Each structure stands twice: as C-alpha cells, then as structure tokens.
Amino acid sequence: MTTRISRDALAARVARDIPEGAVMNLGIGAPTRVANFLPDGLEVILHTENGMLGMGPEPEPGRVDPDLINAGKQPVTEQAGSAYFHHADSFAMMRGGHLDVCVLGAFQVSERGDLANWSTGAADSIPAVGGAMDLAIGAKQVFVMTDLFARSGEPKLVRECSYPLTGVRCVTRIYTDHAIFDVSPSGLSVTELFGDNTIEELRELTGLDLVDATTFSPSDRSHA
C-alpha cells in the first residue's frame, strides 16, 4: 500500500523550492497554501491576477480585511510595500514574462508537460480557463501541485491529456502527494519519493515510463 503526504506537507515542500527574490503567483485551490509555508526571511513577492503585488499569507482568525482577497476570493494579508492596480495591468505582468514562478493545480499533465486544469465538463467544474492560460505560458517556471490520482482513481499524469488544454509543454515540475516529477526531454523523471512509494509502483499505477532521477536513499524520504 503506497503512502501519501498531506496537502499542507506538500505545500511546505513546494515552498522549499521557491528561490530568493522570486515574483510568484499561486493558483486557486491547493496552491494557495504555499503562501503559509514560505520560510521566514525569504524574499518572495506574491502576485495575484485580481490586482495585487506583495500578498501575504492568510490572516489570523478575527483579523480578516474583506478588501484583501486573492483570485480565489480567499482572504489574504498584505506585506510591507504591497501595491494594488487594475487587473488589466496584472495580466500584462503575467503575459509579459515578469513572473518567475507560478504554482497551479491540474486535472491532467501529460508526460511532455502539457497542462489541463480548467474544465472536465462536470457541473461543478471551473467554468472557464480564466488566468491559468496566461500564467501557464507567461511564467518562467510552472509548478503543478496536485494529487497523483483523481477521485475516480485514474492517474492525473498521462501520456496525452484528454481534457481541454490550458497550455502546451509549459509545466516544469509536478508536486504530488506520492512523489515529485520533473518534465524532461525523455519524459517524466521522478526526483523525490514520499513514504514507501517506489519507482516501480508508480510506473505500474500511472502506466508511464518514468525515469528514476532520485538521488537519495529511502531512509532520507520524509513524511513531513
């Protein structure tokens, strides 16, 4: 039986890979949790497409400012020096290549790095592509944070996406509750395993020819 790590643990793992000085956007849903785990003292400027630069983590209970929200309409805080502007200017930042990293959720990611994250045709799915298309193509690095398997049990990492594409060959790295994958010219490379997961098990479960790029022993794997 393979083991998983929690959403918060995965968000903390993503936060560890954000470089000093990065301008970053966090997509709606699970990726917003990354803001709560950025290390103290790390200079990271959070951008949100509804018109804010310098966004902080979620507020403490009782300290919610209804005028401060992210693109997912969740309450946030502001950092010193934060700025507000029209969302057209915000999208110009995204489309102009001014974001170093964005973290997005996904319904599917192909082994070539194609991203599908905006509609499955279900009644409760996100109704339109929104800003994800601009983020996927405009950011210098696109990280995906998602469960490895959908609620139906089907893997989200696939040879070809069957859902509408958000971006083509745009994904850099995929953080899942079972392992971390890098998109490489030879396909998907497993760079880190969580818990007792193995490369062989993940190959069998996903049906993909995963490359073993892990550089540490099983004893180094963390459930944190």
C-alpha atoms as a PDB file:
ATOM      1  CA  MET A   1       0.000   0.000   0.000  1.00  0.00           C
ATOM      2  CA  THR A   2       1.532   3.291  -1.079  1.00  0.00           C
ATOM      3  CA  THR A   3       1.533   6.220   1.327  1.00  0.00           C
ATOM      4  CA  ARG A   4       0.687   9.852   0.738  1.00  0.00           C
ATOM      5  CA  ILE A   5       1.588  13.138   2.355  1.00  0.00           C
ATOM      6  CA  SER A   6      -0.952  15.790   3.317  1.00  0.00           C
ATOM      7  CA  ARG A   7      -1.806  18.896   1.312  1.00  0.00           C
ATOM      8  CA  ASP A   8      -0.106  21.101   3.913  1.00  0.00           C
ATOM      9  CA  ALA A   9       3.013  18.929   3.873  1.00  0.00           C
ATOM     10  CA  LEU A  10       3.105  19.120   0.088  1.00  0.00           C
ATOM     11  CA  ALA A  11       2.630  22.905   0.174  1.00  0.00           C
ATOM     12  CA  ALA A  12       5.566  23.146   2.578  1.00  0.00           C
ATOM     13  CA  ARG A  13       7.657  21.041   0.190  1.00  0.00           C
ATOM     14  CA  VAL A  14       6.795  23.326  -2.735  1.00  0.00           C
ATOM     15  CA  ALA A  15       7.706  26.372  -0.624  1.00  0.00           C
ATOM     16  CA  ARG A  16      11.203  24.979  -0.094  1.00  0.00           C
ATOM     17  CA  ASP A  17      11.872  25.190  -3.839  1.00  0.00           C
ATOM     18  CA  ILE A  18      10.891  28.829  -4.311  1.00  0.00           C
ATOM     19  CA  PRO A  19      14.078  30.843  -4.964  1.00  0.00           C
ATOM     20  CA  GLU A  20      15.083  34.025  -3.159  1.00  0.00           C
ATOM     21  CA  GLY A  21      13.709  37.138  -4.827  1.00  0.00           C
ATOM     22  CA  ALA A  22      11.104  35.315  -6.916  1.00  0.00           C
ATOM     23  CA  VAL A  23       7.920  37.003  -8.095  1.00  0.00           C
ATOM     24  CA  MET A  24       5.328  34.240  -7.831  1.00  0.00           C
ATOM     25  CA  ASN A  25       1.652  33.579  -8.485  1.00  0.00           C
ATOM     26  CA  LEU A  26      -0.334  30.901  -6.654  1.00  0.00           C
ATOM     27  CA  GLY A  27      -3.299  29.390  -8.489  1.00  0.00           C
ATOM     28  CA  ILE A  28      -6.666  28.898  -6.811  1.00  0.00           C
ATOM     29  CA  GLY A  29      -7.244  25.835  -4.652  1.00  0.00           C
ATOM     30  CA  ALA A  30      -4.453  23.848  -3.021  1.00  0.00           C
ATOM     31  CA  PRO A  31      -1.572  26.036  -4.379  1.00  0.00           C
ATOM     32  CA  THR A  32      -2.718  28.958  -2.205  1.00  0.00           C
ATOM     33  CA  ARG A  33      -1.470  27.010   0.839  1.00  0.00           C
ATOM     34  CA  VAL A  34       2.133  27.530  -0.299  1.00  0.00           C
ATOM     35  CA  ALA A  35       1.986  31.130   0.965  1.00  0.00           C
ATOM     36  CA  ASN A  36       1.596  29.848   4.536  1.00  0.00           C
ATOM     37  CA  PHE A  37       4.870  27.897   4.408  1.00  0.00           C
ATOM     38  CA  LEU A  38       7.345  30.293   2.810  1.00  0.00           C
ATOM     39  CA  PRO A  39      10.391  30.439   5.115  1.00  0.00           C
ATOM     40  CA  ASP A  40      10.781  33.488   7.345  1.00  0.00           C
ATOM     41  CA  GLY A  41      13.296  35.893   5.870  1.00  0.00           C
ATOM     42  CA  LEU A  42      12.899  34.598   2.308  1.00  0.00           C
ATOM     43  CA  GLU A  43      12.142  37.485  -0.024  1.00  0.00           C
ATOM     44  CA  VAL A  44       9.325  36.274  -2.280  1.00  0.00           C
ATOM     45  CA  ILE A  45       6.834  38.692  -3.849  1.00  0.00           C
ATOM     46  CA  LEU A  46       3.385  37.140  -4.302  1.00  0.00           C
ATOM     47  CA  HIS A  47       1.271  38.317  -7.234  1.00  0.00           C
ATOM     48  CA  THR A  48      -2.443  37.777  -7.711  1.00  0.00           C
ATOM     49  CA  GLU A  49      -4.190  38.374 -11.026  1.00  0.00           C
ATOM     50  CA  ASN A  50      -7.041  40.356  -9.485  1.00  0.00           C
ATOM     51  CA  GLY A  51      -4.578  43.198  -8.943  1.00  0.00           C
ATOM     52  CA  MET A  52      -2.183  42.902  -6.019  1.00  0.00           C
ATOM     53  CA  LEU A  53       1.573  42.562  -5.672  1.00  0.00           C
ATOM     54  CA  GLY A  54       3.045  41.808  -2.272  1.00  0.00           C
ATOM     55  CA  MET A  55       0.333  39.491  -0.994  1.00  0.00           C
ATOM     56  CA  GLY A  56       0.900  37.807   2.372  1.00  0.00           C
ATOM     57  CA  PRO A  57      -0.396  34.560   3.906  1.00  0.00           C
ATOM     58  CA  GLU A  58      -3.952  34.023   5.130  1.00  0.00           C
ATOM     59  CA  PRO A  59      -4.909  36.246   8.083  1.00  0.00           C
ATOM     60  CA  GLU A  60      -5.225  35.091  11.657  1.00  0.00           C
ATOM     61  CA  PRO A  61      -8.777  34.478  12.921  1.00  0.00           C
ATOM     62  CA  GLY A  62     -10.556  37.742  13.625  1.00  0.00           C
ATOM     63  CA  ARG A  63      -8.156  39.826  11.515  1.00  0.00           C
ATOM     64  CA  VAL A  64      -9.789  39.429   8.102  1.00  0.00           C
ATOM     65  CA  ASP A  65      -9.887  42.521   5.878  1.00  0.00           C
ATOM     66  CA  PRO A  66     -12.761  41.965   3.382  1.00  0.00           C
ATOM     67  CA  ASP A  67     -10.989  44.200   0.840  1.00  0.00           C
ATOM     68  CA  LEU A  68      -7.927  41.909   0.729  1.00  0.00           C
ATOM     69  CA  ILE A  69      -8.618  38.753  -1.261  1.00  0.00           C
ATOM     70  CA  ASN A  70      -6.779  36.594  -3.780  1.00  0.00           C
ATOM     71  CA  ALA A  71      -8.072  35.449  -7.163  1.00  0.00           C
ATOM     72  CA  GLY A  72      -9.937  32.603  -5.460  1.00  0.00           C
ATOM     73  CA  LYS A  73     -11.761  35.114  -3.231  1.00  0.00           C
ATOM     74  CA  GLN A  74      -9.934  33.889  -0.131  1.00  0.00           C
ATOM     75  CA  PRO A  75      -8.871  36.467   2.491  1.00  0.00           C
ATOM     76  CA  VAL A  76      -5.163  37.325   2.466  1.00  0.00           C
ATOM     77  CA  THR A  77      -2.833  39.797   4.114  1.00  0.00           C
ATOM     78  CA  GLU A  78      -0.561  42.471   2.675  1.00  0.00           C
ATOM     79  CA  GLN A  79       3.201  42.707   3.035  1.00  0.00           C
ATOM     80  CA  ALA A  80       5.122  45.947   3.569  1.00  0.00           C
ATOM     81  CA  GLY A  81       5.392  47.741   0.235  1.00  0.00           C
ATOM     82  CA  SER A  82       2.462  45.931  -1.371  1.00  0.00           C
ATOM     83  CA  ALA A  83       0.745  47.574  -4.338  1.00  0.00           C
ATOM     84  CA  TYR A  84      -2.709  47.495  -5.932  1.00  0.00           C
ATOM     85  CA  PHE A  85      -3.600  48.040  -9.581  1.00  0.00           C
ATOM     86  CA  HIS A  86      -6.144  47.294 -12.300  1.00  0.00           C
ATOM     87  CA  HIS A  87      -6.429  43.638 -13.243  1.00  0.00           C
ATOM     88  CA  ALA A  88      -5.524  44.533 -16.853  1.00  0.00           C
ATOM     89  CA  ASP A  89      -2.120  45.640 -15.573  1.00  0.00           C
ATOM     90  CA  SER A  90      -1.902  42.450 -13.559  1.00  0.00           C
ATOM     91  CA  PHE A  91      -2.497  40.348 -16.670  1.00  0.00           C
ATOM     92  CA  ALA A  92       0.129  42.401 -18.520  1.00  0.00           C
ATOM     93  CA  MET A  93       2.628  41.302 -15.870  1.00  0.00           C
ATOM     94  CA  MET A  94       1.664  37.686 -16.464  1.00  0.00           C
ATOM     95  CA  ARG A  95       1.701  37.858 -20.257  1.00  0.00           C
ATOM     96  CA  GLY A  96       4.899  39.907 -20.345  1.00  0.00           C
ATOM     97  CA  GLY A  97       7.032  37.220 -18.715  1.00  0.00           C
ATOM     98  CA  HIS A  98       7.514  39.096 -15.428  1.00  0.00           C
ATOM     99  CA  LEU A  99       6.624  36.162 -13.151  1.00  0.00           C
ATOM    100  CA  ASP A 100       9.427  33.834 -12.117  1.00  0.00           C
ATOM    101  CA  VAL A 101       7.213  31.002 -10.841  1.00  0.00           C
ATOM    102  CA  CYS A 102       3.560  30.093 -10.791  1.00  0.00           C
ATOM    103  CA  VAL A 103       2.032  27.155  -8.906  1.00  0.00           C
ATOM    104  CA  LEU A 104      -1.123  25.714 -10.468  1.00  0.00           C
ATOM    105  CA  GLY A 105      -3.486  22.841  -9.822  1.00  0.00           C
ATOM    106  CA  ALA A 106      -4.254  20.290 -12.528  1.00  0.00           C
ATOM    107  CA  PHE A 107      -6.780  17.784 -13.777  1.00  0.00           C
ATOM    108  CA  GLN A 108      -4.136  16.245 -16.048  1.00  0.00           C
ATOM    109  CA  VAL A 109      -0.493  16.753 -17.013  1.00  0.00           C
ATOM    110  CA  SER A 110       0.972  14.902 -19.976  1.00  0.00           C
ATOM    111  CA  GLU A 111       4.421  13.365 -19.980  1.00  0.00           C
ATOM    112  CA  ARG A 112       5.503  16.221 -22.306  1.00  0.00           C
ATOM    113  CA  GLY A 113       4.355  18.869 -19.821  1.00  0.00           C
ATOM    114  CA  ASP A 114       1.002  19.763 -21.402  1.00  0.00           C
ATOM    115  CA  LEU A 115      -1.391  21.131 -18.759  1.00  0.00           C
ATOM    116  CA  ALA A 116      -5.166  20.692 -18.468  1.00  0.00           C
ATOM    117  CA  ASN A 117      -6.604  22.405 -15.419  1.00  0.00           C
ATOM    118  CA  TRP A 118      -9.778  24.280 -16.262  1.00  0.00           C
ATOM    119  CA  SER A 119     -12.716  22.081 -17.278  1.00  0.00           C
ATOM    120  CA  THR A 120     -13.815  18.460 -17.215  1.00  0.00           C
ATOM    121  CA  GLY A 121     -17.386  19.066 -18.339  1.00  0.00           C
ATOM    122  CA  ALA A 122     -18.696  18.292 -14.857  1.00  0.00           C
ATOM    123  CA  ALA A 123     -21.404  20.511 -13.386  1.00  0.00           C
ATOM    124  CA  ASP A 124     -19.140  21.649 -10.551  1.00  0.00           C
ATOM    125  CA  SER A 125     -16.003  22.231 -12.641  1.00  0.00           C
ATOM    126  CA  ILE A 126     -14.347  25.604 -13.128  1.00  0.00           C
ATOM    127  CA  PRO A 127     -16.400  27.173 -15.966  1.00  0.00           C
ATOM    128  CA  ALA A 128     -13.637  28.940 -17.895  1.00  0.00           C
ATOM    129  CA  VAL A 129      -9.885  28.970 -18.321  1.00  0.00           C
ATOM    130  CA  GLY A 130      -9.506  32.325 -16.523  1.00  0.00           C
ATOM    131  CA  GLY A 131      -5.953  33.477 -15.854  1.00  0.00           C
ATOM    132  CA  ALA A 132      -4.440  29.986 -15.865  1.00  0.00           C
ATOM    133  CA  MET A 133      -3.725  30.144 -19.606  1.00  0.00           C
ATOM    134  CA  ASP A 134      -1.769  33.377 -19.202  1.00  0.00           C
ATOM    135  CA  LEU A 135       0.112  32.045 -16.167  1.00  0.00           C
ATOM    136  CA  ALA A 136       0.990  28.762 -17.855  1.00  0.00           C
ATOM    137  CA  ILE A 137       2.564  30.468 -20.843  1.00  0.00           C
ATOM    138  CA  GLY A 138       3.853  33.654 -19.210  1.00  0.00           C
ATOM    139  CA  ALA A 139       5.652  32.378 -16.106  1.00  0.00           C
ATOM    140  CA  LYS A 140       9.293  31.368 -16.425  1.00  0.00           C
ATOM    141  CA  GLN A 141       8.662  28.201 -14.402  1.00  0.00           C
ATOM    142  CA  VAL A 142       5.333  26.415 -13.972  1.00  0.00           C
ATOM    143  CA  PHE A 143       4.991  24.165 -10.946  1.00  0.00           C
ATOM    144  CA  VAL A 144       1.919  21.945 -10.631  1.00  0.00           C
ATOM    145  CA  MET A 145       0.652  20.921  -7.183  1.00  0.00           C
ATOM    146  CA  THR A 146      -1.941  18.146  -7.237  1.00  0.00           C
ATOM    147  CA  ASP A 147      -2.927  14.699  -6.025  1.00  0.00           C
ATOM    148  CA  LEU A 148      -1.418  11.989  -8.205  1.00  0.00           C
ATOM    149  CA  PHE A 149      -4.819  10.338  -8.632  1.00  0.00           C
ATOM    150  CA  ALA A 150      -8.278  11.751  -9.271  1.00  0.00           C
ATOM    151  CA  ARG A 151     -11.220  10.791  -7.056  1.00  0.00           C
ATOM    152  CA  SER A 152     -12.121   8.162  -9.662  1.00  0.00           C
ATOM    153  CA  GLY A 153      -8.716   6.544  -9.113  1.00  0.00           C
ATOM    154  CA  GLU A 154      -7.364   7.477 -12.536  1.00  0.00           C
ATOM    155  CA  PRO A 155      -3.834   8.947 -12.617  1.00  0.00           C
ATOM    156  CA  LYS A 156      -3.533  12.640 -13.390  1.00  0.00           C
ATOM    157  CA  LEU A 157      -0.190  12.069 -15.109  1.00  0.00           C
ATOM    158  CA  VAL A 158      -0.945  10.750 -18.583  1.00  0.00           C
ATOM    159  CA  ARG A 159       0.639  10.212 -21.980  1.00  0.00           C
ATOM    160  CA  GLU A 160      -1.875  12.549 -23.661  1.00  0.00           C
ATOM    161  CA  CYS A 161      -4.344  14.893 -21.970  1.00  0.00           C
ATOM    162  CA  SER A 162      -7.978  14.095 -22.712  1.00  0.00           C
ATOM    163  CA  TYR A 163      -9.269  17.321 -21.100  1.00  0.00           C
ATOM    164  CA  PRO A 164      -9.064  20.760 -22.780  1.00  0.00           C
ATOM    165  CA  LEU A 165      -5.519  22.090 -22.658  1.00  0.00           C
ATOM    166  CA  THR A 166      -4.554  25.159 -20.666  1.00  0.00           C
ATOM    167  CA  GLY A 167      -1.013  25.250 -22.063  1.00  0.00           C
ATOM    168  CA  VAL A 168       1.244  23.135 -24.275  1.00  0.00           C
ATOM    169  CA  ARG A 169       4.597  21.883 -22.941  1.00  0.00           C
ATOM    170  CA  CYS A 170       4.565  24.524 -20.241  1.00  0.00           C
ATOM    171  CA  VAL A 171       4.974  22.529 -16.997  1.00  0.00           C
ATOM    172  CA  THR A 172       8.398  22.433 -15.360  1.00  0.00           C
ATOM    173  CA  ARG A 173       7.782  20.316 -12.250  1.00  0.00           C
ATOM    174  CA  ILE A 174       4.883  18.369 -10.712  1.00  0.00           C
ATOM    175  CA  TYR A 175       4.449  18.038  -6.943  1.00  0.00           C
ATOM    176  CA  THR A 176       2.089  15.231  -5.958  1.00  0.00           C
ATOM    177  CA  ASP A 177       1.135  13.509  -2.721  1.00  0.00           C
ATOM    178  CA  HIS A 178       3.197  10.449  -3.766  1.00  0.00           C
ATOM    179  CA  ALA A 179       6.292  11.913  -5.442  1.00  0.00           C
ATOM    180  CA  ILE A 180       7.843  14.856  -7.261  1.00  0.00           C
ATOM    181  CA  PHE A 181       8.305  14.709 -11.039  1.00  0.00           C
ATOM    182  CA  ASP A 182      10.365  16.863 -13.382  1.00  0.00           C
ATOM    183  CA  VAL A 183       9.414  17.238 -17.029  1.00  0.00           C
ATOM    184  CA  SER A 184      12.437  16.373 -19.169  1.00  0.00           C
ATOM    185  CA  PRO A 185      13.060  15.727 -22.877  1.00  0.00           C
ATOM    186  CA  SER A 186      12.972  11.998 -22.139  1.00  0.00           C
ATOM    187  CA  GLY A 187       9.635  12.172 -20.304  1.00  0.00           C
ATOM    188  CA  LEU A 188       8.762  12.430 -16.641  1.00  0.00           C
ATOM    189  CA  SER A 189      11.590  11.986 -14.152  1.00  0.00           C
ATOM    190  CA  VAL A 190      10.903  11.081 -10.521  1.00  0.00           C
ATOM    191  CA  THR A 191      13.187  13.250  -8.414  1.00  0.00           C
ATOM    192  CA  GLU A 192      11.792  12.559  -4.945  1.00  0.00           C
ATOM    193  CA  LEU A 193       9.616   9.837  -3.411  1.00  0.00           C
ATOM    194  CA  PHE A 194       7.397  10.224  -0.358  1.00  0.00           C
ATOM    195  CA  GLY A 195       6.844   7.490   2.220  1.00  0.00           C
ATOM    196  CA  ASP A 196       7.237   3.928   0.972  1.00  0.00           C
ATOM    197  CA  ASN A 197       6.437   4.674  -2.669  1.00  0.00           C
ATOM    198  CA  THR A 198       8.787   3.147  -5.233  1.00  0.00           C
ATOM    199  CA  ILE A 199       9.547   3.923  -8.863  1.00  0.00           C
ATOM    200  CA  GLU A 200       8.265   0.502  -9.897  1.00  0.00           C
ATOM    201  CA  GLU A 201       4.923   1.033  -8.153  1.00  0.00           C
ATOM    202  CA  LEU A 202       4.468   4.460  -9.698  1.00  0.00           C
ATOM    203  CA  ARG A 203       5.255   3.092 -13.160  1.00  0.00           C
ATOM    204  CA  GLU A 204       2.618   0.412 -12.693  1.00  0.00           C
ATOM    205  CA  LEU A 205       0.000   2.799 -11.280  1.00  0.00           C
ATOM    206  CA  THR A 206       0.467   5.506 -13.925  1.00  0.00           C
ATOM    207  CA  GLY A 207       1.339   3.327 -16.904  1.00  0.00           C
ATOM    208  CA  LEU A 208       4.176   5.708 -17.777  1.00  0.00           C
ATOM    209  CA  ASP A 209       7.862   5.046 -18.494  1.00  0.00           C
ATOM    210  CA  LEU A 210       9.093   7.069 -15.537  1.00  0.00           C
ATOM    211  CA  VAL A 211      12.790   7.886 -15.281  1.00  0.00           C
ATOM    212  CA  ASP A 212      14.417   7.289 -11.893  1.00  0.00           C
ATOM    213  CA  ALA A 213      16.193  10.541 -11.020  1.00  0.00           C
ATOM    214  CA  THR A 214      16.153  10.152  -7.246  1.00  0.00           C
ATOM    215  CA  THR A 215      19.468  10.995  -5.624  1.00  0.00           C
ATOM    216  CA  PHE A 216      18.965   9.802  -2.063  1.00  0.00           C
ATOM    217  CA  SER A 217      18.274   6.603  -0.175  1.00  0.00           C
ATOM    218  CA  PRO A 218      14.829   5.504   1.076  1.00  0.00           C
ATOM    219  CA  SER A 219      15.873   6.446   4.621  1.00  0.00           C
ATOM    220  CA  ASP A 220      16.047  10.083   3.508  1.00  0.00           C
ATOM    221  CA  ARG A 221      12.398  10.202   2.485  1.00  0.00           C
ATOM    222  CA  SER A 222      10.192  12.358   4.663  1.00  0.00           C
ATOM    223  CA  HIS A 223       6.553  12.168   5.676  1.00  0.00           C
ATOM    224  CA  ALA A 224       6.751  15.797   6.847  1.00  0.00           C
END
